[in-house]
């Protein structure tokens, strides 16, 4: 299992994944932030493509909450390099 923190930027729903030792605010840029929180990725043969992404929580330093189901799809699509609509 891999875990960390993430920020998803608008307008393209681009995820940025990073280590838990950093704060969300360390990665803030000029783009609009859609959501932020924590994630983990695990092997799951019952999931499409054999991996499961779980998102939860919020970024206190940015004042932004996660959107768990939608964020998980954005991250999974990025990790697999496939369009989100396929998931």
C-alpha atoms as a PDB file:
ATOM      1  CA  UNK A   1       0.000   0.000   0.000  1.00  0.00           C
ATOM      2  CA  UNK A   2       1.188   3.510  -0.839  1.00  0.00           C
ATOM      3  CA  UNK A   3      -0.130   6.589   0.900  1.00  0.00           C
ATOM      4  CA  UNK A   4       0.368  10.313   0.914  1.00  0.00           C
ATOM      5  CA  UNK A   5      -1.274  13.677   0.446  1.00  0.00           C
ATOM      6  CA  UNK A   6      -2.754  15.239  -2.659  1.00  0.00           C
ATOM      7  CA  UNK A   7      -4.078  18.433  -4.187  1.00  0.00           C
ATOM      8  CA  UNK A   8      -6.298  18.476  -7.265  1.00  0.00           C
ATOM      9  CA  UNK A   9      -6.057  21.629  -9.344  1.00  0.00           C
ATOM     10  CA  UNK A  10      -8.714  23.071 -11.651  1.00  0.00           C
ATOM     11  CA  UNK A  11      -9.529  23.464 -14.455  1.00  0.00           C
ATOM     12  CA  UNK A  12      -8.160  20.105 -15.622  1.00  0.00           C
ATOM     13  CA  UNK A  13      -8.579  18.024 -12.436  1.00  0.00           C
ATOM     14  CA  UNK A  14      -4.809  17.457 -12.362  1.00  0.00           C
ATOM     15  CA  UNK A  15      -3.687  15.667  -9.176  1.00  0.00           C
ATOM     16  CA  UNK A  16      -0.423  16.404  -7.428  1.00  0.00           C
ATOM     17  CA  UNK A  17       0.665  13.596  -5.090  1.00  0.00           C
ATOM     18  CA  UNK A  18       3.286  14.090  -2.403  1.00  0.00           C
ATOM     19  CA  UNK A  19       4.779  12.689   0.797  1.00  0.00           C
ATOM     20  CA  UNK A  20       3.012  13.041   4.150  1.00  0.00           C
ATOM     21  CA  UNK A  21       6.007  14.910   5.574  1.00  0.00           C
ATOM     22  CA  UNK A  22       5.074  18.013   3.557  1.00  0.00           C
ATOM     23  CA  UNK A  23       2.156  20.353   4.166  1.00  0.00           C
ATOM     24  CA  UNK A  24      -0.441  20.994   1.495  1.00  0.00           C
ATOM     25  CA  UNK A  25       0.368  24.710   1.537  1.00  0.00           C
ATOM     26  CA  UNK A  26       3.949  23.907   0.443  1.00  0.00           C
ATOM     27  CA  UNK A  27       2.583  23.014  -3.003  1.00  0.00           C
ATOM     28  CA  UNK A  28       0.059  25.794  -3.529  1.00  0.00           C
ATOM     29  CA  UNK A  29       0.526  27.573  -6.850  1.00  0.00           C
ATOM     30  CA  UNK A  30      -1.467  30.051  -8.897  1.00  0.00           C
ATOM     31  CA  UNK A  31      -4.021  27.490 -10.104  1.00  0.00           C
ATOM     32  CA  UNK A  32      -7.430  27.136  -8.484  1.00  0.00           C
ATOM     33  CA  UNK A  33      -7.606  24.251  -6.018  1.00  0.00           C
ATOM     34  CA  UNK A  34     -10.573  21.917  -6.468  1.00  0.00           C
ATOM     35  CA  UNK A  35      -9.864  19.624  -3.490  1.00  0.00           C
ATOM     36  CA  UNK A  36      -7.139  18.331  -1.194  1.00  0.00           C
ATOM     37  CA  UNK A  37      -6.655  15.604   1.354  1.00  0.00           C
ATOM     38  CA  UNK A  38      -5.032  12.242   1.929  1.00  0.00           C
ATOM     39  CA  UNK A  39      -4.960   9.087  -0.195  1.00  0.00           C
ATOM     40  CA  UNK A  40      -3.833   5.507  -0.226  1.00  0.00           C
ATOM     41  CA  UNK A  41      -3.421   3.068  -3.096  1.00  0.00           C
ATOM     42  CA  UNK A  42      -3.737  -0.670  -2.618  1.00  0.00           C
ATOM     43  CA  UNK A  43      -3.846  -3.792  -4.776  1.00  0.00           C
ATOM     44  CA  UNK A  44      -7.399  -5.059  -5.183  1.00  0.00           C
ATOM     45  CA  UNK A  45      -8.189  -7.738  -7.747  1.00  0.00           C
ATOM     46  CA  UNK A  46     -11.897  -6.851  -7.486  1.00  0.00           C
ATOM     47  CA  UNK A  47     -11.291  -3.295  -8.717  1.00  0.00           C
ATOM     48  CA  UNK A  48     -10.905  -2.285 -12.369  1.00  0.00           C
ATOM     49  CA  UNK A  49      -7.211  -2.445 -13.340  1.00  0.00           C
ATOM     50  CA  UNK A  50      -6.371  -4.193 -10.064  1.00  0.00           C
ATOM     51  CA  UNK A  51      -5.847  -1.137  -7.870  1.00  0.00           C
ATOM     52  CA  UNK A  52      -8.015   0.760  -5.434  1.00  0.00           C
ATOM     53  CA  UNK A  53      -7.499   4.442  -4.594  1.00  0.00           C
ATOM     54  CA  UNK A  54      -9.102   5.776  -1.427  1.00  0.00           C
ATOM     55  CA  UNK A  55      -9.260   9.507  -0.654  1.00  0.00           C
ATOM     56  CA  UNK A  56     -10.313  11.146   2.597  1.00  0.00           C
ATOM     57  CA  UNK A  57      -9.927  14.120   4.902  1.00  0.00           C
ATOM     58  CA  UNK A  58      -9.028  17.699   4.165  1.00  0.00           C
ATOM     59  CA  UNK A  59      -6.181  20.152   4.047  1.00  0.00           C
ATOM     60  CA  UNK A  60      -6.188  22.293   7.167  1.00  0.00           C
ATOM     61  CA  UNK A  61      -3.351  24.465   5.811  1.00  0.00           C
ATOM     62  CA  UNK A  62      -5.350  25.296   2.637  1.00  0.00           C
ATOM     63  CA  UNK A  63      -8.844  25.147   4.128  1.00  0.00           C
ATOM     64  CA  UNK A  64      -9.981  22.749   1.388  1.00  0.00           C
ATOM     65  CA  UNK A  65     -11.835  19.436   1.769  1.00  0.00           C
ATOM     66  CA  UNK A  66     -11.491  16.261  -0.244  1.00  0.00           C
ATOM     67  CA  UNK A  67     -14.165  15.003  -2.629  1.00  0.00           C
ATOM     68  CA  UNK A  68     -13.420  11.323  -1.958  1.00  0.00           C
ATOM     69  CA  UNK A  69     -15.055   9.443  -4.825  1.00  0.00           C
ATOM     70  CA  UNK A  70     -14.254  12.005  -7.515  1.00  0.00           C
ATOM     71  CA  UNK A  71     -10.695  12.576  -6.272  1.00  0.00           C
ATOM     72  CA  UNK A  72     -10.031   8.828  -6.240  1.00  0.00           C
ATOM     73  CA  UNK A  73     -11.031   8.615  -9.920  1.00  0.00           C
ATOM     74  CA  UNK A  74      -8.771  11.561 -10.825  1.00  0.00           C
ATOM     75  CA  UNK A  75      -5.797   9.988  -9.042  1.00  0.00           C
ATOM     76  CA  UNK A  76      -6.425   6.492 -10.416  1.00  0.00           C
ATOM     77  CA  UNK A  77      -6.710   7.841 -13.971  1.00  0.00           C
ATOM     78  CA  UNK A  78      -3.426   9.714 -13.545  1.00  0.00           C
ATOM     79  CA  UNK A  79      -1.618   6.680 -12.098  1.00  0.00           C
ATOM     80  CA  UNK A  80      -2.845   4.434 -14.919  1.00  0.00           C
ATOM     81  CA  UNK A  81      -2.413   7.138 -17.587  1.00  0.00           C
ATOM     82  CA  UNK A  82      -5.953   6.636 -18.865  1.00  0.00           C
ATOM     83  CA  UNK A  83      -8.898   9.033 -19.307  1.00  0.00           C
ATOM     84  CA  UNK A  84     -11.050   9.407 -16.205  1.00  0.00           C
ATOM     85  CA  UNK A  85     -14.155   8.558 -18.236  1.00  0.00           C
ATOM     86  CA  UNK A  86     -12.940   4.980 -18.719  1.00  0.00           C
ATOM     87  CA  UNK A  87     -13.099   4.279 -14.971  1.00  0.00           C
END
